[in-house]
Amino acid sequence: MAIASGTVYLGPWEVAMLETSGKLGISALNDQTYLYNEKMNFIFGMVQCFLLVFTLFISVFKPWKKKKADDKKTSE
């Protein structure tokens, strides 16, 4: 999901920001489209980072396996 959201949302917003800043230079900071893309890039970038950290946590710690192992010990 994180990779898909990066491709579908973050990529086009980043490209639009690059094109706008290339055309307008520093005055792009006053352009409403640029500011919108910047805000959405930040928000969805934070969501993507959270999803990646969550995925990393799940893949490393596997919290469901520990519980199943504990259940087997208590049933014996």
C-alpha atoms as a PDB file:
ATOM      1  CA  MET A   1       0.000   0.000   0.000  1.00  0.00           C
ATOM      2  CA  ALA A   2       2.845   2.370   0.811  1.00  0.00           C
ATOM      3  CA  ILE A   3       4.504   1.771  -2.546  1.00  0.00           C
ATOM      4  CA  ALA A   4       1.227   2.180  -4.425  1.00  0.00           C
ATOM      5  CA  SER A   5       0.374   5.445  -2.650  1.00  0.00           C
ATOM      6  CA  GLY A   6       3.858   6.748  -3.402  1.00  0.00           C
ATOM      7  CA  THR A   7       3.489   5.940  -7.060  1.00  0.00           C
ATOM      8  CA  VAL A   8      -0.082   7.170  -7.455  1.00  0.00           C
ATOM      9  CA  TYR A   9      -0.027  10.285  -5.254  1.00  0.00           C
ATOM     10  CA  LEU A  10       3.421  11.359  -4.134  1.00  0.00           C
ATOM     11  CA  GLY A  11       5.122  10.965  -7.517  1.00  0.00           C
ATOM     12  CA  PRO A  12       2.778  13.214  -9.506  1.00  0.00           C
ATOM     13  CA  TRP A  13       2.710  15.854  -6.749  1.00  0.00           C
ATOM     14  CA  GLU A  14       6.502  15.878  -6.663  1.00  0.00           C
ATOM     15  CA  VAL A  15       6.732  16.214 -10.444  1.00  0.00           C
ATOM     16  CA  ALA A  16       4.186  19.062 -10.409  1.00  0.00           C
ATOM     17  CA  MET A  17       6.187  20.849  -7.717  1.00  0.00           C
ATOM     18  CA  LEU A  18       9.402  20.474  -9.720  1.00  0.00           C
ATOM     19  CA  GLU A  19       7.774  21.802 -12.877  1.00  0.00           C
ATOM     20  CA  THR A  20       6.210  24.757 -11.060  1.00  0.00           C
ATOM     21  CA  SER A  21       9.420  25.680  -9.267  1.00  0.00           C
ATOM     22  CA  GLY A  22      11.331  25.345 -12.539  1.00  0.00           C
ATOM     23  CA  LYS A  23       8.992  27.825 -14.239  1.00  0.00           C
ATOM     24  CA  LEU A  24       8.422  30.258 -11.381  1.00  0.00           C
ATOM     25  CA  GLY A  25      11.620  29.955  -9.367  1.00  0.00           C
ATOM     26  CA  ILE A  26      11.381  31.279  -5.815  1.00  0.00           C
ATOM     27  CA  SER A  27       7.989  32.848  -6.513  1.00  0.00           C
ATOM     28  CA  ALA A  28       6.572  29.297  -6.614  1.00  0.00           C
ATOM     29  CA  LEU A  29       6.315  29.655  -2.833  1.00  0.00           C
ATOM     30  CA  ASN A  30       3.390  32.020  -3.449  1.00  0.00           C
ATOM     31  CA  ASP A  31       1.664  29.786  -6.015  1.00  0.00           C
ATOM     32  CA  GLN A  32      -1.480  28.088  -4.654  1.00  0.00           C
ATOM     33  CA  THR A  33      -1.007  24.929  -6.731  1.00  0.00           C
ATOM     34  CA  TYR A  34       2.566  24.553  -5.527  1.00  0.00           C
ATOM     35  CA  LEU A  35       1.513  25.060  -1.901  1.00  0.00           C
ATOM     36  CA  TYR A  36      -1.293  22.518  -2.259  1.00  0.00           C
ATOM     37  CA  ASN A  37       1.073  19.942  -3.753  1.00  0.00           C
ATOM     38  CA  GLU A  38       3.594  20.643  -1.001  1.00  0.00           C
ATOM     39  CA  LYS A  39       0.966  20.157   1.723  1.00  0.00           C
ATOM     40  CA  MET A  40      -0.388  16.930   0.204  1.00  0.00           C
ATOM     41  CA  ASN A  41       3.136  15.625  -0.341  1.00  0.00           C
ATOM     42  CA  PHE A  42       3.929  16.254   3.322  1.00  0.00           C
ATOM     43  CA  ILE A  43       0.716  14.682   4.664  1.00  0.00           C
ATOM     44  CA  PHE A  44       0.797  11.597   2.456  1.00  0.00           C
ATOM     45  CA  GLY A  45       4.565  11.333   2.936  1.00  0.00           C
ATOM     46  CA  MET A  46       4.020  11.102   6.688  1.00  0.00           C
ATOM     47  CA  VAL A  47       1.315   8.468   6.153  1.00  0.00           C
ATOM     48  CA  GLN A  48       3.665   6.523   3.894  1.00  0.00           C
ATOM     49  CA  CYS A  49       6.445   6.684   6.510  1.00  0.00           C
ATOM     50  CA  PHE A  50       4.031   5.435   9.171  1.00  0.00           C
ATOM     51  CA  LEU A  51       2.945   2.539   6.954  1.00  0.00           C
ATOM     52  CA  LEU A  52       6.548   1.587   6.247  1.00  0.00           C
ATOM     53  CA  VAL A  53       7.508   1.690   9.941  1.00  0.00           C
ATOM     54  CA  PHE A  54       4.395  -0.320  10.818  1.00  0.00           C
ATOM     55  CA  THR A  55       5.245  -2.882   8.143  1.00  0.00           C
ATOM     56  CA  LEU A  56       8.795  -3.085   9.455  1.00  0.00           C
ATOM     57  CA  PHE A  57       7.521  -3.569  13.012  1.00  0.00           C
ATOM     58  CA  ILE A  58       5.144  -6.333  11.954  1.00  0.00           C
ATOM     59  CA  SER A  59       7.753  -8.125   9.848  1.00  0.00           C
ATOM     60  CA  VAL A  60      10.458  -8.000  12.531  1.00  0.00           C
ATOM     61  CA  PHE A  61       8.527  -8.630  15.749  1.00  0.00           C
ATOM     62  CA  LYS A  62       5.641 -10.770  14.420  1.00  0.00           C
ATOM     63  CA  PRO A  63       3.456 -10.168  17.482  1.00  0.00           C
ATOM     64  CA  TRP A  64       0.898 -12.837  16.537  1.00  0.00           C
ATOM     65  CA  LYS A  65       3.509 -15.635  16.640  1.00  0.00           C
ATOM     66  CA  LYS A  66       4.486 -14.904  20.224  1.00  0.00           C
ATOM     67  CA  LYS A  67       0.890 -15.105  21.367  1.00  0.00           C
ATOM     68  CA  LYS A  68       0.327 -18.443  19.596  1.00  0.00           C
ATOM     69  CA  ALA A  69       3.471 -19.875  21.197  1.00  0.00           C
ATOM     70  CA  ASP A  70       2.312 -18.682  24.634  1.00  0.00           C
ATOM     71  CA  ASP A  71      -1.119 -20.254  24.069  1.00  0.00           C
ATOM     72  CA  LYS A  72       0.482 -23.614  23.283  1.00  0.00           C
ATOM     73  CA  LYS A  73       2.572 -23.478  26.468  1.00  0.00           C
ATOM     74  CA  THR A  74      -0.409 -22.705  28.693  1.00  0.00           C
ATOM     75  CA  SER A  75      -2.530 -25.469  27.183  1.00  0.00           C
ATOM     76  CA  GLU A  76       0.080 -28.141  27.938  1.00  0.00           C
END
